Amino acid sequence: MDISYIKTMTRVGSIIKRLDHDKKLKFLYDEKISKSLRKDDRGRVYALCVDGAIVKIGGSQAKGGIDGTYSAYFGGFAPKMSLRTYCVWNYIRQQIELGKKVEVYCVWADTVTVPVPTMTGSEEQTITIDFHAIENNFVKEYVEKEGKYPYLNMQESGNKWIDTGLSEGYPGMGK
């Protein structure tokens, strides 16, 4: 599915290799993305795209906003990296090395004012809706339209990282 199908996401920017280190990555932010929006801690759903094609739909409520969501992928390989993080980092890096354009799009969860129970009643609070509902809707619509999950949505699709070849080089996984 091409990212142009989605009307509710904002382009955050592209991911590029850092010039000072061949394994490290960074965002080249879209000029319309303010620093406060990059750091916005509301839950968010993102699409990772390669040459406009969506390869992963994910959600996050990581502290530090979209910067916090993607920071694990930007430092190059780290010994404490999970297999999933390593494989996504490896995929992004490989695509960049192939000369492909890697971009991130995002939608932030809305806030609503609702009564929240207290021990003796309730009080009005402004809270962020759960990003999982948004993520589920995005993945469901993608599957309905495409007949399959995005390539890197391993958990939902039931596929295994080892079957992608992206785990090569991960400690304990062989070559």
N, C-alpha and C. Protein backbone atom coordinates (compact mmCIF):
# COMPACT_ATOMS: atom_id res chain seq x y z
N MET A 1 0.85 -1.18 0.00
CA MET A 1 0.00 0.00 0.00
C MET A 1 0.89 1.23 0.00
N ASP A 2 0.54 2.16 -0.80
CA ASP A 2 1.28 3.42 -0.87
C ASP A 2 0.79 4.35 0.24
N ILE A 3 1.69 5.11 0.82
CA ILE A 3 1.36 6.03 1.90
C ILE A 3 0.32 7.06 1.47
N SER A 4 0.22 7.37 0.19
CA SER A 4 -0.75 8.36 -0.28
C SER A 4 -2.20 7.92 -0.01
N TYR A 5 -2.42 6.63 0.25
CA TYR A 5 -3.76 6.13 0.59
C TYR A 5 -4.23 6.70 1.93
N ILE A 6 -3.30 6.91 2.85
CA ILE A 6 -3.64 7.37 4.20
C ILE A 6 -3.77 8.89 4.20
N LYS A 7 -4.91 9.36 4.65
CA LYS A 7 -5.20 10.80 4.65
C LYS A 7 -5.02 11.45 6.02
N THR A 8 -4.82 10.64 7.08
CA THR A 8 -4.80 11.18 8.44
C THR A 8 -3.41 11.30 9.05
N MET A 9 -2.39 10.90 8.33
CA MET A 9 -1.03 10.95 8.88
C MET A 9 -0.27 12.17 8.36
N THR A 10 0.70 12.59 9.16
CA THR A 10 1.59 13.69 8.83
C THR A 10 2.98 13.13 8.59
N ARG A 11 3.64 13.62 7.56
CA ARG A 11 5.01 13.19 7.30
C ARG A 11 5.93 13.79 8.37
N VAL A 12 6.65 12.92 9.09
CA VAL A 12 7.60 13.36 10.10
C VAL A 12 8.91 13.73 9.42
N GLY A 13 9.36 12.89 8.50
CA GLY A 13 10.60 13.13 7.79
C GLY A 13 11.16 11.85 7.24
N SER A 14 12.40 11.92 6.81
CA SER A 14 13.06 10.73 6.27
C SER A 14 14.17 10.31 7.22
N ILE A 15 14.54 9.04 7.11
CA ILE A 15 15.63 8.50 7.90
C ILE A 15 16.83 8.38 6.97
N ILE A 16 17.95 8.89 7.44
CA ILE A 16 19.18 8.86 6.64
C ILE A 16 20.32 8.33 7.49
N LYS A 17 21.41 7.94 6.83
CA LYS A 17 22.60 7.53 7.56
C LYS A 17 23.32 8.77 8.05
N ARG A 18 23.90 8.65 9.24
CA ARG A 18 24.73 9.75 9.74
C ARG A 18 26.04 9.74 8.99
N LEU A 19 26.55 10.88 8.69
CA LEU A 19 27.80 11.00 7.94
C LEU A 19 29.02 10.58 8.77
N ASP A 20 28.91 10.70 10.10
CA ASP A 20 30.06 10.42 10.96
C ASP A 20 30.15 8.96 11.40
N HIS A 21 29.19 8.11 11.00
CA HIS A 21 29.20 6.71 11.43
C HIS A 21 28.33 5.90 10.47
N ASP A 22 28.89 4.87 9.84
CA ASP A 22 28.16 4.17 8.78
C ASP A 22 27.01 3.29 9.28
N LYS A 23 26.91 3.03 10.58
CA LYS A 23 25.82 2.19 11.10
C LYS A 23 24.76 2.99 11.85
N LYS A 24 25.03 4.26 12.08
CA LYS A 24 24.07 5.08 12.82
C LYS A 24 23.16 5.84 11.86
N LEU A 25 21.93 6.07 12.32
CA LEU A 25 20.89 6.71 11.51
C LEU A 25 20.39 7.96 12.21
N LYS A 26 19.67 8.79 11.48
CA LYS A 26 19.03 9.96 12.09
C LYS A 26 17.85 10.40 11.25
N PHE A 27 16.98 11.20 11.88
CA PHE A 27 15.87 11.81 11.17
C PHE A 27 16.34 13.05 10.43
N LEU A 28 15.85 13.22 9.24
CA LEU A 28 15.92 14.48 8.54
C LEU A 28 14.47 14.97 8.56
N TYR A 29 14.15 15.82 9.54
CA TYR A 29 12.76 16.17 9.81
C TYR A 29 12.15 17.03 8.72
N ASP A 30 10.87 16.80 8.48
CA ASP A 30 10.09 17.64 7.60
C ASP A 30 10.03 19.02 8.25
N GLU A 31 10.14 20.06 7.46
CA GLU A 31 10.15 21.43 8.00
C GLU A 31 8.85 21.79 8.72
N LYS A 32 7.76 21.07 8.45
CA LYS A 32 6.48 21.37 9.09
C LYS A 32 6.35 20.74 10.48
N ILE A 33 7.29 19.89 10.87
CA ILE A 33 7.22 19.22 12.17
C ILE A 33 7.99 20.04 13.20
N SER A 34 7.24 20.62 14.13
CA SER A 34 7.87 21.44 15.17
C SER A 34 8.57 20.54 16.19
N LYS A 35 9.49 21.12 16.92
CA LYS A 35 10.19 20.36 17.96
C LYS A 35 9.20 19.88 19.01
N SER A 36 8.21 20.70 19.33
CA SER A 36 7.22 20.28 20.35
C SER A 36 6.39 19.09 19.85
N LEU A 37 6.06 19.03 18.57
CA LEU A 37 5.32 17.89 18.04
C LEU A 37 6.22 16.65 18.03
N ARG A 38 7.50 16.80 17.72
CA ARG A 38 8.43 15.67 17.76
C ARG A 38 8.53 15.08 19.16
N LYS A 39 8.41 15.92 20.17
CA LYS A 39 8.56 15.49 21.57
C LYS A 39 7.21 15.20 22.24
N ASP A 40 6.10 15.39 21.51
CA ASP A 40 4.75 15.20 22.05
C ASP A 40 4.60 13.77 22.58
N ASP A 41 4.26 13.64 23.86
CA ASP A 41 4.19 12.33 24.51
C ASP A 41 2.85 11.60 24.32
N ARG A 42 1.92 12.21 23.61
CA ARG A 42 0.67 11.48 23.37
C ARG A 42 1.00 10.19 22.61
N GLY A 43 0.17 9.18 22.80
CA GLY A 43 0.33 7.97 22.01
C GLY A 43 0.28 8.31 20.54
N ARG A 44 0.98 7.51 19.73
CA ARG A 44 1.04 7.79 18.30
C ARG A 44 1.07 6.50 17.51
N VAL A 45 0.59 6.59 16.29
CA VAL A 45 0.68 5.47 15.35
C VAL A 45 1.51 5.98 14.18
N TYR A 46 2.45 5.15 13.75
CA TYR A 46 3.37 5.57 12.69
C TYR A 46 3.38 4.56 11.55
N ALA A 47 3.75 5.05 10.40
CA ALA A 47 3.97 4.20 9.23
C ALA A 47 5.41 4.40 8.80
N LEU A 48 6.14 3.30 8.70
CA LEU A 48 7.48 3.31 8.14
C LEU A 48 7.34 2.95 6.68
N CYS A 49 7.87 3.80 5.80
CA CYS A 49 7.68 3.62 4.36
C CYS A 49 9.02 3.58 3.64
N VAL A 50 9.07 2.77 2.60
CA VAL A 50 10.24 2.72 1.72
C VAL A 50 9.76 3.02 0.31
N ASP A 51 10.30 4.09 -0.26
CA ASP A 51 9.87 4.57 -1.58
C ASP A 51 8.35 4.67 -1.67
N GLY A 52 7.74 5.15 -0.58
CA GLY A 52 6.30 5.39 -0.55
C GLY A 52 5.46 4.19 -0.14
N ALA A 53 6.04 2.99 -0.12
CA ALA A 53 5.29 1.79 0.25
C ALA A 53 5.38 1.57 1.76
N ILE A 54 4.24 1.33 2.38
CA ILE A 54 4.20 1.10 3.83
C ILE A 54 4.76 -0.29 4.11
N VAL A 55 5.80 -0.34 4.98
CA VAL A 55 6.40 -1.62 5.35
C VAL A 55 6.15 -1.97 6.81
N LYS A 56 5.73 -1.00 7.61
CA LYS A 56 5.39 -1.26 9.01
C LYS A 56 4.41 -0.22 9.49
N ILE A 57 3.40 -0.71 10.21
CA ILE A 57 2.49 0.16 10.95
C ILE A 57 2.68 -0.21 12.41
N GLY A 58 3.00 0.78 13.21
CA GLY A 58 3.23 0.52 14.62
C GLY A 58 2.66 1.62 15.48
N GLY A 59 2.66 1.37 16.77
CA GLY A 59 2.18 2.35 17.72
C GLY A 59 3.13 2.45 18.88
N SER A 60 3.12 3.59 19.53
CA SER A 60 4.04 3.81 20.63
C SER A 60 3.52 4.88 21.56
N GLN A 61 3.91 4.75 22.80
CA GLN A 61 3.66 5.79 23.79
C GLN A 61 4.98 6.09 24.51
N ALA A 62 6.09 5.84 23.80
CA ALA A 62 7.42 6.06 24.38
C ALA A 62 7.58 7.51 24.80
N LYS A 63 8.22 7.70 25.93
CA LYS A 63 8.54 9.06 26.38
C LYS A 63 9.45 9.71 25.35
N GLY A 64 9.31 10.99 25.18
CA GLY A 64 10.13 11.70 24.21
C GLY A 64 9.49 11.79 22.84
N GLY A 65 8.23 11.37 22.71
CA GLY A 65 7.51 11.49 21.45
C GLY A 65 8.06 10.59 20.36
N ILE A 66 7.90 11.03 19.10
CA ILE A 66 8.35 10.22 17.97
C ILE A 66 9.87 10.06 18.02
N ASP A 67 10.58 11.04 18.59
CA ASP A 67 12.02 10.89 18.79
C ASP A 67 12.30 9.68 19.68
N GLY A 68 11.54 9.55 20.77
CA GLY A 68 11.71 8.41 21.67
C GLY A 68 11.34 7.09 21.03
N THR A 69 10.34 7.11 20.16
CA THR A 69 9.92 5.90 19.47
C THR A 69 11.04 5.37 18.58
N TYR A 70 11.71 6.24 17.89
CA TYR A 70 12.71 5.83 16.90
C TYR A 70 14.15 5.85 17.41
N SER A 71 14.40 6.37 18.60
CA SER A 71 15.78 6.51 19.07
C SER A 71 16.52 5.17 19.14
N ALA A 72 15.84 4.09 19.43
CA ALA A 72 16.50 2.78 19.52
C ALA A 72 17.10 2.35 18.19
N TYR A 73 16.56 2.83 17.09
CA TYR A 73 17.06 2.44 15.77
C TYR A 73 18.23 3.31 15.29
N PHE A 74 18.46 4.42 15.94
CA PHE A 74 19.39 5.40 15.41
C PHE A 74 20.83 5.24 15.89
N GLY A 75 21.06 4.46 16.94
CA GLY A 75 22.39 4.36 17.51
C GLY A 75 23.28 3.29 16.90
N GLY A 76 22.84 2.64 15.85
CA GLY A 76 23.61 1.52 15.32
C GLY A 76 23.37 0.31 16.20
N PHE A 77 24.11 -0.75 16.00
CA PHE A 77 23.91 -1.95 16.80
C PHE A 77 24.36 -1.71 18.23
N ALA A 78 23.54 -2.13 19.18
CA ALA A 78 23.88 -2.08 20.61
C ALA A 78 23.63 -3.47 21.19
N PRO A 79 24.52 -3.97 22.05
CA PRO A 79 24.39 -5.32 22.58
C PRO A 79 23.05 -5.61 23.27
N LYS A 80 22.40 -4.62 23.84
CA LYS A 80 21.13 -4.83 24.54
C LYS A 80 19.92 -4.76 23.62
N MET A 81 20.13 -4.55 22.34
CA MET A 81 19.04 -4.42 21.37
C MET A 81 18.23 -5.73 21.30
N SER A 82 16.90 -5.60 21.29
CA SER A 82 16.07 -6.79 21.09
C SER A 82 16.21 -7.26 19.64
N LEU A 83 15.83 -8.50 19.39
CA LEU A 83 15.88 -9.02 18.03
C LEU A 83 15.01 -8.17 17.10
N ARG A 84 13.82 -7.80 17.55
CA ARG A 84 12.92 -6.98 16.73
C ARG A 84 13.57 -5.65 16.37
N THR A 85 14.13 -4.96 17.37
CA THR A 85 14.77 -3.68 17.11
C THR A 85 15.94 -3.84 16.16
N TYR A 86 16.74 -4.88 16.37
CA TYR A 86 17.87 -5.13 15.49
C TYR A 86 17.40 -5.34 14.05
N CYS A 87 16.39 -6.15 13.86
CA CYS A 87 15.92 -6.46 12.51
C CYS A 87 15.34 -5.24 11.81
N VAL A 88 14.57 -4.42 12.53
CA VAL A 88 14.03 -3.20 11.92
C VAL A 88 15.17 -2.25 11.58
N TRP A 89 16.12 -2.06 12.50
CA TRP A 89 17.30 -1.23 12.22
C TRP A 89 18.05 -1.74 11.00
N ASN A 90 18.27 -3.05 10.95
CA ASN A 90 19.00 -3.65 9.85
C ASN A 90 18.25 -3.43 8.53
N TYR A 91 16.93 -3.58 8.55
CA TYR A 91 16.11 -3.35 7.35
C TYR A 91 16.23 -1.90 6.88
N ILE A 92 16.07 -0.95 7.80
CA ILE A 92 16.17 0.47 7.44
C ILE A 92 17.54 0.75 6.83
N ARG A 93 18.58 0.28 7.50
CA ARG A 93 19.95 0.51 7.03
C ARG A 93 20.16 -0.09 5.64
N GLN A 94 19.69 -1.30 5.42
CA GLN A 94 19.84 -1.95 4.11
C GLN A 94 19.13 -1.16 3.02
N GLN A 95 17.93 -0.68 3.32
CA GLN A 95 17.16 0.06 2.31
C GLN A 95 17.86 1.37 1.95
N ILE A 96 18.41 2.05 2.95
CA ILE A 96 19.14 3.29 2.69
C ILE A 96 20.36 2.99 1.84
N GLU A 97 21.07 1.92 2.15
CA GLU A 97 22.26 1.55 1.37
C GLU A 97 21.91 1.20 -0.07
N LEU A 98 20.68 0.74 -0.31
CA LEU A 98 20.22 0.44 -1.66
C LEU A 98 19.77 1.70 -2.40
N GLY A 99 19.84 2.86 -1.72
CA GLY A 99 19.44 4.12 -2.34
C GLY A 99 17.96 4.39 -2.26
N LYS A 100 17.26 3.66 -1.41
CA LYS A 100 15.81 3.87 -1.27
C LYS A 100 15.53 4.98 -0.28
N LYS A 101 14.37 5.61 -0.44
CA LYS A 101 13.95 6.68 0.46
C LYS A 101 13.13 6.07 1.60
N VAL A 102 13.60 6.24 2.82
CA VAL A 102 12.92 5.71 4.00
C VAL A 102 12.30 6.89 4.75
N GLU A 103 10.97 6.82 4.93
CA GLU A 103 10.24 7.93 5.56
C GLU A 103 9.36 7.41 6.68
N VAL A 104 9.02 8.34 7.58
CA VAL A 104 8.11 8.04 8.68
C VAL A 104 6.96 9.03 8.64
N TYR A 105 5.76 8.50 8.79
CA TYR A 105 4.53 9.29 8.88
C TYR A 105 3.89 8.96 10.23
N CYS A 106 3.09 9.88 10.74
CA CYS A 106 2.56 9.67 12.08
C CYS A 106 1.20 10.34 12.26
N VAL A 107 0.40 9.76 13.13
CA VAL A 107 -0.83 10.40 13.60
C VAL A 107 -0.79 10.30 15.12
N TRP A 108 -1.11 11.39 15.79
CA TRP A 108 -1.11 11.43 17.24
C TRP A 108 -2.52 11.26 17.76
N ALA A 109 -2.64 10.55 18.87
CA ALA A 109 -3.95 10.31 19.48
C ALA A 109 -4.53 11.63 19.98
N ASP A 110 -5.82 11.78 19.80
CA ASP A 110 -6.51 12.97 20.28
C ASP A 110 -6.67 12.91 21.81
N THR A 111 -6.91 14.07 22.39
CA THR A 111 -7.25 14.13 23.81
C THR A 111 -8.75 14.38 23.93
N VAL A 112 -9.31 13.90 25.01
CA VAL A 112 -10.73 14.10 25.28
C VAL A 112 -10.89 14.45 26.76
N THR A 113 -11.92 15.21 27.06
CA THR A 113 -12.24 15.53 28.45
C THR A 113 -13.40 14.66 28.86
N VAL A 114 -13.16 13.87 29.91
CA VAL A 114 -14.16 12.90 30.37
C VAL A 114 -14.15 12.83 31.89
N PRO A 115 -15.26 12.35 32.46
CA PRO A 115 -15.24 12.13 33.91
C PRO A 115 -14.40 10.88 34.21
N VAL A 116 -13.46 11.03 35.14
CA VAL A 116 -12.60 9.91 35.55
C VAL A 116 -12.94 9.59 37.00
N PRO A 117 -13.26 8.32 37.28
CA PRO A 117 -13.64 7.96 38.66
C PRO A 117 -12.56 8.27 39.69
N THR A 118 -13.01 8.76 40.84
CA THR A 118 -12.17 8.91 42.02
C THR A 118 -12.73 7.94 43.06
N MET A 119 -12.22 7.96 44.25
CA MET A 119 -12.71 7.05 45.29
C MET A 119 -14.12 7.41 45.75
N THR A 120 -14.50 8.67 45.57
CA THR A 120 -15.80 9.11 46.08
C THR A 120 -16.70 9.73 45.02
N GLY A 121 -16.33 9.61 43.77
CA GLY A 121 -17.13 10.21 42.70
C GLY A 121 -16.34 10.22 41.40
N SER A 122 -16.22 11.40 40.81
CA SER A 122 -15.41 11.51 39.59
C SER A 122 -14.98 12.96 39.43
N GLU A 123 -13.99 13.15 38.59
CA GLU A 123 -13.56 14.50 38.25
C GLU A 123 -13.26 14.55 36.77
N GLU A 124 -13.51 15.70 36.18
CA GLU A 124 -13.23 15.90 34.75
C GLU A 124 -11.73 15.96 34.54
N GLN A 125 -11.24 15.17 33.58
CA GLN A 125 -9.82 15.20 33.24
C GLN A 125 -9.69 15.14 31.72
N THR A 126 -8.65 15.77 31.24
CA THR A 126 -8.32 15.67 29.82
C THR A 126 -7.26 14.57 29.69
N ILE A 127 -7.63 13.53 28.93
CA ILE A 127 -6.74 12.38 28.77
C ILE A 127 -6.57 12.08 27.28
N THR A 128 -5.53 11.34 26.96
CA THR A 128 -5.27 10.94 25.59
C THR A 128 -5.94 9.60 25.34
N ILE A 129 -6.62 9.47 24.20
CA ILE A 129 -7.23 8.18 23.88
C ILE A 129 -6.12 7.16 23.64
N ASP A 130 -6.43 5.91 23.85
CA ASP A 130 -5.46 4.83 23.72
C ASP A 130 -5.06 4.66 22.25
N PHE A 131 -3.76 4.76 21.96
CA PHE A 131 -3.29 4.64 20.58
C PHE A 131 -3.53 3.26 20.00
N HIS A 132 -3.70 2.25 20.86
CA HIS A 132 -3.90 0.88 20.36
C HIS A 132 -5.15 0.78 19.47
N ALA A 133 -6.20 1.52 19.82
CA ALA A 133 -7.42 1.49 19.00
C ALA A 133 -7.13 2.04 17.60
N ILE A 134 -6.33 3.09 17.52
CA ILE A 134 -5.96 3.67 16.23
C ILE A 134 -5.10 2.69 15.45
N GLU A 135 -4.09 2.13 16.12
CA GLU A 135 -3.19 1.17 15.47
C GLU A 135 -3.98 -0.03 14.93
N ASN A 136 -4.88 -0.56 15.75
CA ASN A 136 -5.69 -1.70 15.30
C ASN A 136 -6.51 -1.36 14.06
N ASN A 137 -7.09 -0.16 14.03
CA ASN A 137 -7.86 0.27 12.86
C ASN A 137 -6.98 0.37 11.61
N PHE A 138 -5.79 0.93 11.77
CA PHE A 138 -4.88 1.06 10.63
C PHE A 138 -4.48 -0.31 10.08
N VAL A 139 -4.07 -1.21 10.97
CA VAL A 139 -3.63 -2.54 10.54
C VAL A 139 -4.80 -3.30 9.91
N LYS A 140 -5.97 -3.22 10.52
CA LYS A 140 -7.16 -3.90 9.98
C LYS A 140 -7.48 -3.41 8.57
N GLU A 141 -7.47 -2.09 8.37
CA GLU A 141 -7.79 -1.54 7.05
C GLU A 141 -6.71 -1.91 6.03
N TYR A 142 -5.46 -1.92 6.45
CA TYR A 142 -4.37 -2.32 5.56
C TYR A 142 -4.61 -3.76 5.08
N VAL A 143 -4.89 -4.65 6.01
CA VAL A 143 -5.10 -6.07 5.66
C VAL A 143 -6.33 -6.23 4.77
N GLU A 144 -7.40 -5.49 5.07
CA GLU A 144 -8.60 -5.57 4.22
C GLU A 144 -8.30 -5.13 2.79
N LYS A 145 -7.49 -4.09 2.65
CA LYS A 145 -7.19 -3.56 1.32
C LYS A 145 -6.12 -4.38 0.58
N GLU A 146 -5.10 -4.84 1.31
CA GLU A 146 -3.96 -5.51 0.68
C GLU A 146 -4.00 -7.03 0.75
N GLY A 147 -4.81 -7.57 1.67
CA GLY A 147 -4.88 -9.03 1.81
C GLY A 147 -3.71 -9.63 2.55
N LYS A 148 -2.90 -8.79 3.17
CA LYS A 148 -1.74 -9.24 3.94
C LYS A 148 -1.32 -8.12 4.89
N TYR A 149 -0.43 -8.46 5.81
CA TYR A 149 0.09 -7.47 6.75
C TYR A 149 1.28 -6.74 6.12
N PRO A 150 1.59 -5.53 6.64
CA PRO A 150 2.82 -4.88 6.20
C PRO A 150 4.02 -5.80 6.47
N TYR A 151 5.03 -5.72 5.64
CA TYR A 151 6.18 -6.62 5.68
C TYR A 151 6.80 -6.77 7.07
N LEU A 152 6.98 -5.68 7.81
CA LEU A 152 7.64 -5.73 9.10
C LEU A 152 6.69 -5.89 10.28
N ASN A 153 5.40 -6.12 10.06
CA ASN A 153 4.46 -6.36 11.14
C ASN A 153 4.46 -7.85 11.49
N MET A 154 5.56 -8.30 12.05
CA MET A 154 5.77 -9.73 12.34
C MET A 154 4.80 -10.27 13.38
N GLN A 155 4.60 -9.54 14.46
CA GLN A 155 3.76 -10.04 15.55
C GLN A 155 2.34 -10.31 15.05
N GLU A 156 1.77 -9.37 14.34
CA GLU A 156 0.39 -9.55 13.85
C GLU A 156 0.29 -10.64 12.79
N SER A 157 1.31 -10.73 11.93
CA SER A 157 1.24 -11.69 10.82
C SER A 157 1.59 -13.11 11.24
N GLY A 158 2.21 -13.27 12.40
CA GLY A 158 2.62 -14.60 12.85
C GLY A 158 3.92 -15.07 12.21
N ASN A 159 4.58 -14.20 11.44
CA ASN A 159 5.86 -14.55 10.83
C ASN A 159 6.98 -14.40 11.85
N LYS A 160 8.15 -14.90 11.50
CA LYS A 160 9.29 -14.87 12.40
C LYS A 160 10.43 -14.05 11.78
N TRP A 161 11.12 -13.27 12.64
CA TRP A 161 12.22 -12.44 12.17
C TRP A 161 13.29 -13.25 11.48
N ILE A 162 13.57 -14.43 11.99
CA ILE A 162 14.64 -15.25 11.42
C ILE A 162 14.36 -15.60 9.96
N ASP A 163 13.09 -15.70 9.60
CA ASP A 163 12.72 -16.06 8.22
C ASP A 163 12.95 -14.92 7.23
N THR A 164 13.17 -13.70 7.72
CA THR A 164 13.37 -12.55 6.82
C THR A 164 14.83 -12.40 6.39
N GLY A 165 15.74 -13.03 7.12
CA GLY A 165 17.17 -12.84 6.87
C GLY A 165 17.71 -11.59 7.55
N LEU A 166 16.84 -10.79 8.16
CA LEU A 166 17.26 -9.55 8.80
C LEU A 166 17.97 -9.78 10.12
N SER A 167 17.88 -10.99 10.66
CA SER A 167 18.53 -11.28 11.94
C SER A 167 20.00 -11.65 11.78
N GLU A 168 20.46 -11.75 10.54
CA GLU A 168 21.87 -12.08 10.30
C GLU A 168 22.76 -11.04 10.97
N GLY A 169 23.70 -11.52 11.75
CA GLY A 169 24.60 -10.63 12.48
C GLY A 169 24.17 -10.39 13.92
N TYR A 170 22.95 -10.79 14.26
CA TYR A 170 22.47 -10.62 15.64
C TYR A 170 23.15 -11.66 16.52
N PRO A 171 23.66 -11.26 17.69
CA PRO A 171 24.36 -12.22 18.56
C PRO A 171 23.50 -13.44 18.88
N GLY A 172 24.11 -14.61 18.72
CA GLY A 172 23.41 -15.85 19.01
C GLY A 172 22.57 -16.38 17.87
N MET A 173 22.55 -15.67 16.72
CA MET A 173 21.72 -16.10 15.58
C MET A 173 22.56 -16.64 14.44
N GLY A 174 23.80 -16.97 14.68
CA GLY A 174 24.64 -17.47 13.58
C GLY A 174 25.34 -16.31 12.90
N LYS A 175 25.64 -16.51 11.64
CA LYS A 175 26.40 -15.50 10.88
C LYS A 175 25.79 -14.14 10.93
